[in-house]
Amino acid sequence: MKNFWYIAKKDLLQIIRDRNSLFLLLIVPLVLIVVIGLAFGNLFGSGSSQITITVAVSNQDSGFVGKAIVNALHINTDKLKITVNQYNDPNQVTDQVANNSNVDAGVVIPAATSDKFINAANTGTTPKNLVQFYSLPSSNDPRATIVQNIVSGVLSSQFAGTSAVGQVYSICNRPGNHCAQSSIDAQGITTAVGKASATGGSSAVQALTAGKAVTINSFDQLVPGYAIFFALFGVNAAAATILQEKEDGTFRRLLIAPVQKYALLGGKLLAQFILTLAQLAVLFGIGYFAFHLHFGSLPAVIALLIGTSFATTGLGILLVSVVKTRRQLNPIVTLVVLLTSAVGGAWWPLFLEPAWMQQIAKIGVTAWAMEGLNGVMILGKDFVQVAPDILGLLAYGLIYFVIALRLFRFQEKTA
């Protein structure tokens, strides 16, 4: 064990004395996290959650349908605010939608829309294409969809009420029935039935919650993702040091000393493990105090960081065992880090990826680490629920180290 520590201590002292390495390990990740965090500050619902929509409306209808649509669009709550700009000319609505970037949708209610509604209800037919809704071509803006759903909901409720009025008049006019026409409150029936059809279904469902609410922000994804991303890049420095010692003949001279091969590689592994764990701990610590990270289960986060450091270090030793020169090292490490970070969820939540891609991502270390950290910090999982990810990281690190021990050559074969 002493040999382990002596070798690890030597490497750690070399890194600590190198200020450029410390700069890359801590300052660069923090700057990048802050910049991206501020750029995507509304990710996961952080910041203001109110949706603001501007709608251009031209109401040519003098009846109840046009009035109901305009009234329904006037919304101002904590979650949704709709500003209605009314125009006399329907062409102004299309111009506003097409040319004004501040207008999200347009609604034109033609003249006699209410009369056509009543006629359709009395004849038992379905009204088609009465109210015109405008949005940009191929638009997938959810704000336009919200407006369209509001208009559709109003028309559905009004048609239900109008149909009910038609049924009342039909029953009154049947032979043998008698009711005073003046006693039928058509507008009251329309409003009551329309309101019931619009709210009855939703009110019949009781919305409940289970479990504890988790308050998260964009840094809950960014700090773990970029911390692991730069931890993987830190493998490059450790690997380069080992390759340099091979090229300089240091390892060849150590073969004469009473140091076991496993102790030599183990010391290198221990030094990189301590450095990676310290880097992750510092970044997460700063993230907790500066960015208000939500850790959830702290033991689970600590175990995941330990497992990530071990697996990352094992990957670095493995790369050294298959790469012969420092010139080959940089492109290989860069390719491995970029691929595993992109697919493994370092830059976006892993659960947003397709299921097949999530399975492929498990080939790399990043996916195991991010799945566990996202589960604890974003989804509110406990230690037991992320235990498979912790064990997976430890298993990967062990497998990497065993393979590296068999493949690593302390001196290249000479002809």
Protein backbone atom coordinates (compact mmCIF):
# COMPACT_ATOMS: atom_id res chain seq x y z
CA MET A 1 0.00 0.00 0.00
CA LYS A 2 2.91 2.36 0.64
CA ASN A 3 4.01 2.02 -2.95
CA PHE A 4 0.48 2.90 -4.07
CA TRP A 5 0.53 6.08 -2.06
CA TYR A 6 4.08 7.15 -2.94
CA ILE A 7 3.36 6.90 -6.65
CA ALA A 8 0.01 8.68 -6.26
CA LYS A 9 1.56 11.42 -4.14
CA LYS A 10 4.25 12.08 -6.75
CA ASP A 11 1.66 12.53 -9.51
CA LEU A 12 -0.60 14.72 -7.38
CA LEU A 13 2.27 17.04 -6.48
CA GLN A 14 3.18 17.41 -10.14
CA ILE A 15 -0.38 18.38 -11.04
CA ILE A 16 -0.79 20.78 -8.11
CA ARG A 17 2.37 22.62 -9.12
CA ASP A 18 1.01 23.04 -12.65
CA ARG A 19 -1.25 26.11 -12.46
CA ASN A 20 -2.46 25.65 -16.03
CA SER A 21 -3.84 22.22 -15.12
CA LEU A 22 -5.68 23.60 -12.10
CA PHE A 23 -7.11 26.37 -14.29
CA LEU A 24 -8.48 23.83 -16.76
CA LEU A 25 -9.81 21.62 -13.98
CA LEU A 26 -11.84 24.27 -12.14
CA ILE A 27 -12.04 27.73 -13.70
CA VAL A 28 -12.91 26.74 -17.27
CA PRO A 29 -15.78 24.39 -16.25
CA LEU A 30 -17.22 27.05 -13.92
CA VAL A 31 -17.14 29.76 -16.59
CA LEU A 32 -18.81 27.47 -19.14
CA ILE A 33 -21.48 26.35 -16.66
CA VAL A 34 -22.32 29.96 -15.72
CA VAL A 35 -22.56 31.12 -19.34
CA ILE A 36 -24.74 28.22 -20.48
CA GLY A 37 -26.83 28.38 -17.30
CA LEU A 38 -27.63 32.05 -17.89
CA ALA A 39 -28.35 31.42 -21.57
CA PHE A 40 -30.82 28.63 -20.77
CA GLY A 41 -32.14 30.03 -17.52
CA ASN A 42 -35.73 28.90 -18.17
CA LEU A 43 -34.81 25.24 -18.59
CA PHE A 44 -36.87 22.93 -16.31
CA GLY A 45 -39.21 25.77 -15.43
CA SER A 46 -36.76 28.06 -13.66
CA GLY A 47 -37.42 31.77 -13.94
CA SER A 48 -40.82 33.20 -14.84
CA SER A 49 -43.37 30.51 -15.71
CA GLN A 50 -46.05 32.84 -17.17
CA ILE A 51 -46.80 32.34 -20.86
CA THR A 52 -47.54 35.56 -22.73
CA ILE A 53 -49.48 35.48 -26.02
CA THR A 54 -50.61 38.24 -28.38
CA VAL A 55 -53.62 37.58 -30.62
CA ALA A 56 -54.97 39.69 -33.48
CA VAL A 57 -58.80 39.46 -33.62
CA SER A 58 -61.39 40.77 -36.06
CA ASN A 59 -64.93 40.19 -34.78
CA GLN A 60 -67.48 40.80 -37.55
CA ASP A 61 -70.20 38.84 -35.79
CA SER A 62 -72.86 40.77 -33.88
CA GLY A 63 -74.17 37.72 -32.06
CA PHE A 64 -73.23 35.64 -29.02
CA VAL A 65 -70.53 33.50 -30.68
CA GLY A 66 -68.19 36.37 -31.51
CA LYS A 67 -68.65 37.91 -28.10
CA ALA A 68 -67.96 34.58 -26.35
CA ILE A 69 -64.71 34.03 -28.28
CA VAL A 70 -63.37 37.52 -27.58
CA ASN A 71 -64.25 37.24 -23.87
CA ALA A 72 -62.60 33.82 -23.62
CA LEU A 73 -59.35 35.14 -25.08
CA HIS A 74 -59.04 37.86 -22.45
CA ILE A 75 -56.95 35.87 -19.93
CA ASN A 76 -54.55 37.27 -17.35
CA THR A 77 -53.39 34.78 -14.72
CA ASP A 78 -50.09 33.79 -13.13
CA LYS A 79 -49.65 31.05 -15.75
CA LEU A 80 -51.12 32.63 -18.89
CA LYS A 81 -51.58 36.17 -20.18
CA ILE A 82 -53.25 36.80 -23.55
CA THR A 83 -53.28 40.27 -25.09
CA VAL A 84 -56.08 40.75 -27.65
CA ASN A 85 -55.57 43.35 -30.38
CA GLN A 86 -58.87 43.95 -32.21
CA TYR A 87 -59.12 45.14 -35.82
CA ASN A 88 -62.09 46.12 -37.97
CA ASP A 89 -60.65 44.76 -41.20
CA PRO A 90 -60.02 40.99 -41.36
CA ASN A 91 -57.10 41.63 -43.73
CA GLN A 92 -55.32 43.45 -40.93
CA VAL A 93 -55.34 40.22 -38.92
CA THR A 94 -53.57 38.24 -41.63
CA ASP A 95 -51.07 41.07 -42.13
CA GLN A 96 -50.29 41.18 -38.40
CA VAL A 97 -49.71 37.42 -38.22
CA ALA A 98 -47.56 37.39 -41.35
CA ASN A 99 -45.48 40.50 -40.72
CA ASN A 100 -45.49 41.20 -36.97
CA SER A 101 -43.21 38.96 -34.96
CA ASN A 102 -45.01 39.99 -31.75
CA VAL A 103 -48.35 38.53 -32.88
CA ASP A 104 -48.58 34.79 -32.19
CA ALA A 105 -51.96 34.01 -33.82
CA GLY A 106 -54.95 35.58 -35.54
CA VAL A 107 -58.71 34.96 -35.29
CA VAL A 108 -61.36 36.22 -37.72
CA ILE A 109 -65.02 35.79 -36.79
CA PRO A 110 -67.11 36.48 -39.95
CA ALA A 111 -70.47 38.22 -39.91
CA ALA A 112 -73.56 36.11 -39.16
CA THR A 113 -71.48 33.39 -37.44
CA SER A 114 -74.02 33.17 -34.61
CA ASP A 115 -76.92 32.83 -37.11
CA LYS A 116 -75.13 30.00 -38.88
CA PHE A 117 -74.56 28.33 -35.55
CA ILE A 118 -78.26 28.51 -34.73
CA ASN A 119 -79.23 27.22 -38.16
CA ALA A 120 -76.83 24.28 -37.90
CA ALA A 121 -78.13 23.41 -34.43
CA ASN A 122 -81.78 23.54 -35.59
CA THR A 123 -81.11 21.35 -38.63
CA GLY A 124 -78.85 18.90 -36.77
CA THR A 125 -75.85 19.58 -38.99
CA THR A 126 -72.26 20.29 -37.99
CA PRO A 127 -70.95 23.81 -38.63
CA LYS A 128 -67.75 23.82 -40.67
CA ASN A 129 -65.09 26.46 -41.23
CA LEU A 130 -67.06 29.31 -39.69
CA VAL A 131 -64.29 30.92 -37.64
CA GLN A 132 -60.89 31.47 -39.27
CA PHE A 133 -57.70 30.85 -37.30
CA TYR A 134 -54.34 32.11 -38.60
CA SER A 135 -50.76 31.15 -37.71
CA LEU A 136 -47.46 31.08 -39.56
CA PRO A 137 -46.96 28.23 -42.07
CA SER A 138 -45.39 25.09 -40.56
CA SER A 139 -45.47 26.73 -37.15
CA ASN A 140 -45.01 24.46 -34.14
CA ASP A 141 -45.25 27.34 -31.66
CA PRO A 142 -47.26 26.06 -28.67
CA ARG A 143 -48.70 29.55 -28.13
CA ALA A 144 -50.62 29.31 -31.41
CA THR A 145 -51.91 25.90 -30.35
CA ILE A 146 -53.11 27.33 -27.03
CA VAL A 147 -55.13 30.02 -28.82
CA GLN A 148 -56.61 27.52 -31.28
CA ASN A 149 -57.66 25.22 -28.42
CA ILE A 150 -59.35 28.12 -26.61
CA VAL A 151 -61.31 29.10 -29.72
CA SER A 152 -62.24 25.47 -30.42
CA GLY A 153 -63.38 25.02 -26.83
CA VAL A 154 -65.62 28.09 -27.00
CA LEU A 155 -67.18 26.96 -30.27
CA SER A 156 -67.79 23.46 -28.91
CA SER A 157 -69.52 24.75 -25.80
CA GLN A 158 -71.57 27.31 -27.72
CA PHE A 159 -72.67 24.71 -30.25
CA ALA A 160 -73.69 22.35 -27.45
CA GLY A 161 -75.78 25.13 -25.88
CA THR A 162 -77.33 26.16 -29.18
CA SER A 163 -78.23 22.54 -29.94
CA ALA A 164 -79.91 22.29 -26.53
CA VAL A 165 -82.01 25.35 -27.28
CA GLY A 166 -83.04 23.81 -30.58
CA GLN A 167 -84.14 20.66 -28.78
CA VAL A 168 -86.23 22.71 -26.34
CA TYR A 169 -88.03 24.48 -29.18
CA SER A 170 -88.53 21.19 -30.99
CA ILE A 171 -90.16 19.57 -27.95
CA CYS A 172 -92.39 22.60 -27.34
CA ASN A 173 -93.67 22.49 -30.91
CA ARG A 174 -94.63 18.84 -30.85
CA PRO A 175 -98.37 18.06 -31.03
CA GLY A 176 -99.90 17.93 -27.57
CA ASN A 177 -97.14 19.98 -25.94
CA HIS A 178 -97.63 23.57 -24.98
CA CYS A 179 -95.14 26.16 -23.69
CA ALA A 180 -95.00 29.87 -24.10
CA GLN A 181 -92.25 30.77 -26.57
CA SER A 182 -91.46 33.89 -24.57
CA SER A 183 -90.71 31.79 -21.48
CA ILE A 184 -87.76 30.06 -23.16
CA ASP A 185 -84.51 31.85 -22.25
CA ALA A 186 -82.45 30.82 -25.25
CA GLN A 187 -79.38 32.76 -24.19
CA GLY A 188 -79.56 31.39 -20.65
CA ILE A 189 -79.87 27.80 -21.87
CA THR A 190 -77.04 28.25 -24.32
CA THR A 191 -74.76 29.68 -21.64
CA ALA A 192 -75.65 27.04 -19.03
CA VAL A 193 -75.28 24.06 -21.35
CA GLY A 194 -72.14 25.46 -22.93
CA LYS A 195 -70.52 26.05 -19.56
CA ALA A 196 -71.47 22.58 -18.38
CA SER A 197 -70.04 20.93 -21.50
CA ALA A 198 -66.81 22.87 -21.22
CA THR A 199 -66.12 22.31 -17.52
CA GLY A 200 -68.02 19.16 -16.60
CA GLY A 201 -65.41 16.70 -17.80
CA SER A 202 -62.43 18.45 -16.30
CA SER A 203 -64.13 19.05 -12.96
CA ALA A 204 -65.04 15.37 -12.68
CA VAL A 205 -61.36 14.47 -12.44
CA GLN A 206 -59.64 15.12 -9.12
CA ALA A 207 -56.01 16.22 -9.54
CA LEU A 208 -53.81 14.86 -6.77
CA THR A 209 -50.08 14.56 -6.20
CA ALA A 210 -48.01 11.71 -4.83
CA GLY A 211 -44.54 12.04 -3.39
CA LYS A 212 -42.52 15.12 -2.53
CA ALA A 213 -42.23 18.07 -4.89
CA VAL A 214 -38.74 18.76 -6.19
CA THR A 215 -37.68 22.33 -6.95
CA ILE A 216 -35.05 22.29 -9.68
CA ASN A 217 -33.32 24.70 -12.00
CA SER A 218 -31.22 24.46 -15.14
CA PHE A 219 -27.98 24.11 -13.13
CA ASP A 220 -29.21 20.76 -11.75
CA GLN A 221 -28.53 19.43 -15.26
CA LEU A 222 -25.65 21.68 -16.30
CA VAL A 223 -23.35 21.29 -13.29
CA PRO A 224 -23.31 17.45 -13.28
CA GLY A 225 -23.12 17.27 -17.08
CA TYR A 226 -20.21 19.63 -17.58
CA ALA A 227 -18.43 18.48 -14.43
CA ILE A 228 -18.34 14.94 -15.83
CA PHE A 229 -17.49 16.28 -19.28
CA PHE A 230 -14.36 18.04 -17.99
CA ALA A 231 -13.53 15.15 -15.68
CA LEU A 232 -13.32 12.95 -18.75
CA PHE A 233 -11.09 15.48 -20.47
CA GLY A 234 -8.90 15.43 -17.34
CA VAL A 235 -8.09 11.85 -18.27
CA ASN A 236 -6.03 13.26 -21.12
CA ALA A 237 -3.53 14.90 -18.76
CA ALA A 238 -3.02 11.79 -16.66
CA ALA A 239 -2.72 9.58 -19.71
CA ALA A 240 -0.21 11.95 -21.29
CA THR A 241 1.93 11.79 -18.15
CA ILE A 242 2.04 8.00 -18.26
CA LEU A 243 2.90 7.97 -21.95
CA GLN A 244 5.65 10.51 -21.37
CA GLU A 245 7.18 8.33 -18.67
CA LYS A 246 7.07 5.39 -21.06
CA GLU A 247 8.75 7.42 -23.79
CA ASP A 248 11.38 8.75 -21.35
CA GLY A 249 12.15 5.23 -20.12
CA THR A 250 11.01 5.83 -16.55
CA PHE A 251 8.87 2.69 -16.48
CA ARG A 252 11.71 0.61 -17.89
CA ARG A 253 13.95 1.69 -14.99
CA LEU A 254 11.19 0.99 -12.47
CA LEU A 255 11.12 -2.64 -13.56
CA ILE A 256 14.44 -3.08 -11.75
CA ALA A 257 13.03 -1.62 -8.52
CA PRO A 258 11.06 -3.82 -6.10
CA VAL A 259 7.70 -2.39 -7.27
CA GLN A 260 4.95 -4.65 -8.53
CA LYS A 261 3.35 -3.74 -11.84
CA TYR A 262 -0.11 -3.61 -10.26
CA ALA A 263 1.24 -1.20 -7.64
CA LEU A 264 2.65 1.11 -10.29
CA LEU A 265 -0.58 1.25 -12.28
CA GLY A 266 -2.58 1.31 -9.04
CA GLY A 267 -0.69 4.37 -7.87
CA LYS A 268 -1.42 6.14 -11.12
CA LEU A 269 -5.07 5.14 -10.78
CA LEU A 270 -5.21 6.37 -7.18
CA ALA A 271 -3.74 9.77 -8.08
CA GLN A 272 -6.18 10.32 -10.94
CA PHE A 273 -9.07 9.05 -8.83
CA ILE A 274 -8.30 11.53 -6.03
CA LEU A 275 -7.88 14.38 -8.51
CA THR A 276 -11.12 13.60 -10.37
CA LEU A 277 -13.09 13.20 -7.15
CA ALA A 278 -11.69 16.49 -5.82
CA GLN A 279 -12.61 18.25 -9.06
CA LEU A 280 -16.17 16.92 -8.98
CA ALA A 281 -16.54 17.70 -5.27
CA VAL A 282 -15.38 21.31 -5.73
CA LEU A 283 -17.66 21.90 -8.75
CA PHE A 284 -20.66 20.39 -6.98
CA GLY A 285 -19.85 22.33 -3.81
CA ILE A 286 -19.70 25.61 -5.69
CA GLY A 287 -22.86 24.61 -7.53
CA TYR A 288 -24.66 24.03 -4.25
CA PHE A 289 -23.80 27.40 -2.75
CA ALA A 290 -23.73 29.53 -5.91
CA PHE A 291 -26.37 27.89 -8.12
CA HIS A 292 -28.61 26.36 -5.42
CA LEU A 293 -28.34 22.79 -6.66
CA HIS A 294 -30.94 20.36 -5.36
CA PHE A 295 -29.02 17.31 -4.13
CA GLY A 296 -31.96 15.28 -2.88
CA SER A 297 -30.29 12.23 -1.33
CA LEU A 298 -26.81 13.46 -0.39
CA PRO A 299 -25.43 9.91 0.23
CA ALA A 300 -26.59 8.93 -3.24
CA VAL A 301 -24.87 11.94 -4.82
CA ILE A 302 -21.62 11.21 -2.94
CA ALA A 303 -21.69 7.55 -3.97
CA LEU A 304 -22.34 8.52 -7.59
CA LEU A 305 -19.40 10.95 -7.58
CA ILE A 306 -17.13 8.27 -6.13
CA GLY A 307 -18.31 5.76 -8.72
CA THR A 308 -17.92 8.30 -11.52
CA SER A 309 -14.37 9.15 -10.44
CA PHE A 310 -13.43 5.48 -10.28
CA ALA A 311 -14.95 4.65 -13.69
CA THR A 312 -13.47 7.74 -15.34
CA THR A 313 -10.02 6.94 -13.98
CA GLY A 314 -10.28 3.33 -15.12
CA LEU A 315 -11.19 4.56 -18.61
CA GLY A 316 -8.09 6.74 -18.66
CA ILE A 317 -5.81 3.85 -17.72
CA LEU A 318 -7.46 1.71 -20.40
CA LEU A 319 -6.85 4.35 -23.07
CA VAL A 320 -3.19 4.50 -22.08
CA SER A 321 -2.89 0.75 -22.46
CA VAL A 322 -4.07 0.79 -26.09
CA VAL A 323 -2.51 4.09 -27.24
CA LYS A 324 1.22 3.99 -28.02
CA THR A 325 2.16 7.68 -28.32
CA ARG A 326 1.01 11.05 -26.99
CA ARG A 327 0.32 12.18 -30.55
CA GLN A 328 -2.35 9.48 -30.88
CA LEU A 329 -3.82 10.26 -27.48
CA ASN A 330 -5.46 13.67 -28.05
CA PRO A 331 -7.74 12.77 -30.99
CA ILE A 332 -8.78 9.48 -29.39
CA VAL A 333 -9.62 11.05 -26.02
CA THR A 334 -11.47 13.92 -27.71
CA LEU A 335 -13.55 11.53 -29.81
CA VAL A 336 -14.41 9.29 -26.85
CA VAL A 337 -15.30 12.22 -24.58
CA LEU A 338 -17.46 14.03 -27.15
CA LEU A 339 -19.36 10.89 -28.17
CA THR A 340 -20.02 9.64 -24.66
CA SER A 341 -20.97 13.14 -23.44
CA ALA A 342 -23.42 13.76 -26.28
CA VAL A 343 -25.09 10.36 -26.19
CA GLY A 344 -24.71 9.89 -22.43
CA GLY A 345 -26.74 12.95 -21.42
CA ALA A 346 -24.03 15.36 -20.28
CA TRP A 347 -25.52 18.20 -22.34
CA TRP A 348 -29.22 17.36 -22.01
CA PRO A 349 -31.25 15.00 -19.78
CA LEU A 350 -30.74 11.37 -20.74
CA PHE A 351 -34.45 10.61 -20.38
CA LEU A 352 -35.22 12.98 -23.30
CA GLU A 353 -33.39 10.69 -25.72
CA PRO A 354 -35.11 7.83 -27.59
CA ALA A 355 -35.19 4.55 -25.71
CA TRP A 356 -32.84 2.83 -28.16
CA MET A 357 -30.27 5.62 -27.80
CA GLN A 358 -30.46 5.38 -24.01
CA GLN A 359 -29.53 1.72 -24.27
CA ILE A 360 -26.59 2.45 -26.57
CA ALA A 361 -25.44 5.21 -24.22
CA LYS A 362 -24.97 2.66 -21.45
CA ILE A 363 -21.83 1.51 -23.24
CA GLY A 364 -20.10 4.62 -21.89
CA VAL A 365 -19.48 5.88 -18.37
CA THR A 366 -21.33 9.18 -18.83
CA ALA A 367 -24.76 7.60 -19.21
CA TRP A 368 -24.50 5.68 -15.94
CA ALA A 369 -23.36 8.77 -14.07
CA MET A 370 -25.93 11.15 -15.58
CA GLU A 371 -28.81 8.70 -15.19
CA GLY A 372 -28.03 8.42 -11.50
CA LEU A 373 -27.45 12.13 -10.92
CA ASN A 374 -30.53 13.15 -12.94
CA GLY A 375 -32.54 10.61 -11.01
CA VAL A 376 -31.48 12.01 -7.63
CA MET A 377 -31.33 15.72 -8.44
CA ILE A 378 -34.18 16.10 -10.94
CA LEU A 379 -36.51 13.12 -10.51
CA GLY A 380 -36.22 12.82 -6.71
CA LYS A 381 -34.97 9.22 -6.55
CA ASP A 382 -33.38 7.83 -3.39
CA PHE A 383 -30.19 5.83 -2.82
CA VAL A 384 -31.79 2.43 -3.45
CA GLN A 385 -33.31 3.54 -6.74
CA VAL A 386 -29.96 4.73 -8.16
CA ALA A 387 -27.96 1.84 -6.69
CA PRO A 388 -27.81 0.07 -10.10
CA ASP A 389 -26.12 3.15 -11.58
CA ILE A 390 -23.61 3.27 -8.70
CA LEU A 391 -22.80 -0.43 -9.08
CA GLY A 392 -22.57 -0.01 -12.85
CA LEU A 393 -19.96 2.74 -12.47
CA LEU A 394 -17.90 0.69 -10.03
CA ALA A 395 -18.12 -2.36 -12.29
CA TYR A 396 -17.02 -0.35 -15.32
CA GLY A 397 -14.03 1.06 -13.44
CA LEU A 398 -12.98 -2.40 -12.27
CA ILE A 399 -13.35 -3.91 -15.74
CA TYR A 400 -11.34 -1.08 -17.30
CA PHE A 401 -8.54 -1.50 -14.77
CA VAL A 402 -8.35 -5.29 -15.18
CA ILE A 403 -8.18 -5.00 -18.97
CA ALA A 404 -5.62 -2.20 -18.75
CA LEU A 405 -3.45 -4.29 -16.42
CA ARG A 406 -3.33 -7.11 -18.99
CA LEU A 407 -2.74 -4.87 -22.03
CA PHE A 408 -0.40 -2.27 -20.57
CA ARG A 409 3.25 -2.54 -21.58
CA PHE A 410 5.89 -0.87 -19.45
CA GLN A 411 8.25 -0.90 -22.41
CA GLU A 412 7.51 -1.33 -26.09
CA LYS A 413 8.89 -4.37 -27.82
CA THR A 414 11.94 -3.68 -29.92
CA ALA A 415 12.86 -5.40 -33.13
